Amino acid sequence: WTGANVPGYGDPLTRSPDAVAADVSYGWLDAEAAIRVYGVALDSAGVVDRAGTERLRAEQLRERLAAATPPASTAGGQAGGEARLRRVGGDLGLLLDGDQPAEWVSMTGRVRLGPVTGDYRSACAVLDNPVNQVAPEFATRPGRPGEAMLLREYLCPATGIRLATELIRSGDEPSGDMVLAGGVP
């Protein structure tokens, strides 16, 4: 099964609203997709409606968490304000013990997701959606292999921000993800 390439990096709900408005002005995206994909509200002139965007994004994050399966495990609460965090990518980070990575953490929610020697995804909320529903513009015809594909989203259980995604066939087990065996320099 093949799908669209270059799906982007990070959670669309954290993308700059001004960048989304620019995409709409260039004709690369329509206003409906700006709302559906990025949670960005535009006025009739194509200018970002900041309050409307904030409301849309908050609503979409709440809906994600409400539809998601709660975490398989709960790791260790939230990292305190004094905790030293290092961003890995997107909203996924590391909680440092001295200069060494100790635990996975969501940066925005500061949720401790377990030791770096394990798979952080077990402490994430999980949301599965058929690819045909998530991106109807790339939908496959009925009976084609792509019809069985899901977009699996691993979400911060506190904020709903996406930490990772994978395309997976319905009924299959997820592939392994990164673990750290030791510290980084």
Protein backbone atom coordinates (compact mmCIF):
# COMPACT_ATOMS: atom_id res chain seq x y z
CA TRP A 1 0.00 0.00 0.00
CA THR A 2 1.33 3.45 -0.77
CA GLY A 3 0.06 6.77 0.35
CA ALA A 4 0.95 10.41 0.04
CA ASN A 5 4.55 11.36 0.72
CA VAL A 6 5.82 14.16 2.91
CA PRO A 7 3.02 14.21 5.50
CA GLY A 8 4.91 16.75 7.62
CA TYR A 9 6.56 16.82 10.99
CA GLY A 10 5.01 17.39 14.39
CA ASP A 11 1.42 17.90 15.39
CA PRO A 12 -0.57 19.96 12.87
CA LEU A 13 -2.34 21.67 15.80
CA THR A 14 0.98 23.21 16.85
CA ARG A 15 1.86 24.61 13.41
CA SER A 16 2.09 28.36 13.12
CA PRO A 17 -1.35 29.76 12.23
CA ASP A 18 0.36 32.38 10.07
CA ALA A 19 2.11 29.64 8.06
CA VAL A 20 -1.26 27.95 7.52
CA ALA A 21 -2.79 31.26 6.40
CA ALA A 22 0.09 31.69 3.94
CA ASP A 23 -0.60 28.20 2.53
CA VAL A 24 -4.25 29.18 2.01
CA SER A 25 -3.25 32.45 0.32
CA TYR A 26 -0.96 30.54 -2.09
CA GLY A 27 -3.80 28.15 -2.94
CA TRP A 28 -1.95 25.15 -1.47
CA LEU A 29 -4.72 24.56 1.07
CA ASP A 30 -8.35 25.61 1.30
CA ALA A 31 -9.95 27.25 4.34
CA GLU A 32 -11.90 24.07 5.22
CA ALA A 33 -8.67 22.03 5.35
CA ALA A 34 -7.05 24.76 7.46
CA ILE A 35 -9.79 24.18 10.02
CA ARG A 36 -9.93 20.36 9.73
CA VAL A 37 -6.20 19.65 9.67
CA TYR A 38 -4.59 22.58 11.50
CA GLY A 39 -7.40 23.99 13.64
CA VAL A 40 -6.84 27.45 12.13
CA ALA A 41 -9.76 29.86 11.71
CA LEU A 42 -9.46 32.57 9.08
CA ASP A 43 -11.62 35.62 8.55
CA SER A 44 -13.13 36.49 5.16
CA ALA A 45 -9.90 38.29 4.16
CA GLY A 46 -7.79 35.21 4.95
CA VAL A 47 -6.32 36.69 8.13
CA VAL A 48 -5.88 34.43 11.16
CA ASP A 49 -8.69 34.72 13.70
CA ARG A 50 -6.51 34.23 16.81
CA ALA A 51 -9.35 33.71 19.31
CA GLY A 52 -11.20 31.40 16.92
CA THR A 53 -8.03 29.40 16.29
CA GLU A 54 -7.38 29.04 20.01
CA ARG A 55 -10.96 27.78 20.55
CA LEU A 56 -10.80 25.37 17.58
CA ARG A 57 -7.50 23.88 18.68
CA ALA A 58 -8.61 23.46 22.29
CA GLU A 59 -11.80 21.75 21.10
CA GLN A 60 -9.91 19.44 18.72
CA LEU A 61 -7.45 18.45 21.48
CA ARG A 62 -10.34 17.69 23.87
CA GLU A 63 -12.06 15.60 21.18
CA ARG A 64 -8.86 13.66 20.51
CA LEU A 65 -8.43 12.72 24.15
CA ALA A 66 -12.10 11.83 24.54
CA ALA A 67 -11.92 9.48 21.53
CA ALA A 68 -8.55 7.95 22.47
CA THR A 69 -7.86 4.80 24.42
CA PRO A 70 -6.30 5.75 27.77
CA PRO A 71 -2.65 4.81 28.35
CA ALA A 72 -1.83 1.13 28.85
CA SER A 73 0.36 2.19 31.77
CA THR A 74 0.75 5.27 33.85
CA ALA A 75 4.41 6.08 34.32
CA GLY A 76 5.18 8.71 36.89
CA GLY A 77 2.98 11.77 36.91
CA GLN A 78 4.32 15.12 35.78
CA ALA A 79 7.86 16.44 35.81
CA GLY A 80 8.19 19.33 38.22
CA GLY A 81 8.95 22.88 37.13
CA GLU A 82 12.57 22.51 38.18
CA ALA A 83 13.11 19.36 36.10
CA ARG A 84 15.61 19.62 33.25
CA LEU A 85 14.06 18.61 29.93
CA ARG A 86 15.63 18.20 26.49
CA ARG A 87 13.51 18.14 23.33
CA VAL A 88 13.96 15.06 21.12
CA GLY A 89 11.53 16.10 18.38
CA GLY A 90 8.07 17.56 18.15
CA ASP A 91 6.60 17.40 21.66
CA LEU A 92 8.64 14.36 22.78
CA GLY A 93 11.51 15.01 25.14
CA LEU A 94 13.79 13.62 27.78
CA LEU A 95 13.84 14.20 31.51
CA LEU A 96 17.49 14.47 32.52
CA ASP A 97 19.13 13.09 35.63
CA GLY A 98 22.25 15.22 35.80
CA ASP A 99 23.35 15.23 32.16
CA GLN A 100 21.96 11.77 31.37
CA PRO A 101 18.53 10.97 29.91
CA ALA A 102 16.42 9.14 32.47
CA GLU A 103 12.80 9.25 31.30
CA TRP A 104 10.70 10.06 28.27
CA VAL A 105 8.49 13.11 28.75
CA SER A 106 5.95 15.15 26.82
CA MET A 107 7.28 18.68 26.62
CA THR A 108 4.00 20.61 26.75
CA GLY A 109 2.23 18.47 29.34
CA ARG A 110 5.47 17.51 31.16
CA VAL A 111 4.01 14.01 31.57
CA ARG A 112 6.61 11.41 32.55
CA LEU A 113 6.24 8.55 30.07
CA GLY A 114 8.64 5.98 31.54
CA PRO A 115 12.33 5.14 31.45
CA VAL A 116 14.34 5.73 28.28
CA THR A 117 15.10 2.01 28.19
CA GLY A 118 11.44 1.32 27.40
CA ASP A 119 8.82 2.33 24.85
CA TYR A 120 7.25 5.64 25.87
CA ARG A 121 4.16 4.89 23.80
CA SER A 122 2.70 2.59 26.48
CA ALA A 123 2.13 5.71 28.61
CA CYS A 124 0.41 7.59 25.76
CA ALA A 125 -3.25 7.81 24.93
CA VAL A 126 -3.80 6.04 21.59
CA LEU A 127 -6.14 7.15 18.84
CA ASP A 128 -6.75 4.98 15.75
CA ASN A 129 -8.57 6.38 12.74
CA PRO A 130 -8.98 4.92 9.27
CA VAL A 131 -6.68 6.75 6.87
CA ASN A 132 -9.62 7.19 4.49
CA GLN A 133 -11.40 9.29 7.14
CA VAL A 134 -8.37 11.25 8.34
CA ALA A 135 -7.32 12.30 4.86
CA PRO A 136 -10.26 11.85 2.51
CA GLU A 137 -8.29 13.56 -0.25
CA PHE A 138 -6.00 10.48 -0.30
CA ALA A 139 -8.71 7.83 0.22
CA THR A 140 -8.39 4.51 -1.55
CA ARG A 141 -11.21 2.79 -3.37
CA PRO A 142 -13.19 0.08 -1.56
CA GLY A 143 -11.54 -3.32 -1.73
CA ARG A 144 -8.02 -1.91 -2.07
CA PRO A 145 -5.38 -2.73 0.60
CA GLY A 146 -5.24 0.90 1.73
CA GLU A 147 -8.80 0.60 2.99
CA ALA A 148 -7.50 -1.39 6.01
CA MET A 149 -4.87 1.21 6.99
CA LEU A 150 -5.13 3.19 10.21
CA LEU A 151 -3.39 6.31 11.36
CA ARG A 152 -2.35 5.51 14.93
CA GLU A 153 -1.65 8.60 17.01
CA TYR A 154 0.26 8.46 20.29
CA LEU A 155 -0.92 11.41 22.36
CA CYS A 156 0.25 13.15 25.50
CA PRO A 157 -2.35 11.88 28.00
CA ALA A 158 -2.63 15.35 29.58
CA THR A 159 -2.74 17.69 26.57
CA GLY A 160 -3.70 15.54 23.57
CA ILE A 161 -0.70 16.82 21.59
CA ARG A 162 0.65 14.17 19.20
CA LEU A 163 3.98 12.67 20.20
CA ALA A 164 4.19 10.13 17.38
CA THR A 165 2.17 8.52 14.62
CA GLU A 166 2.37 5.40 12.53
CA LEU A 167 0.45 3.88 9.68
CA ILE A 168 -0.66 0.42 10.68
CA ARG A 169 -2.92 -2.18 9.16
CA SER A 170 -6.03 -2.84 11.22
CA GLY A 171 -5.37 -5.81 13.50
CA ASP A 172 -1.56 -5.66 13.29
CA GLU A 173 0.72 -5.06 16.26
CA PRO A 174 2.64 -1.77 16.28
CA SER A 175 6.25 -1.74 15.23
CA GLY A 176 8.93 -1.12 17.82
CA ASP A 177 10.01 2.43 18.50
CA MET A 178 13.19 3.96 19.80
CA VAL A 179 14.62 3.21 23.21
CA LEU A 180 17.85 4.51 24.67
CA ALA A 181 20.20 1.95 26.20
CA GLY A 182 22.41 4.57 27.79
CA GLY A 183 23.12 8.25 28.02
CA VAL A 184 23.92 10.70 25.29
CA PRO A 185 26.96 12.98 25.35
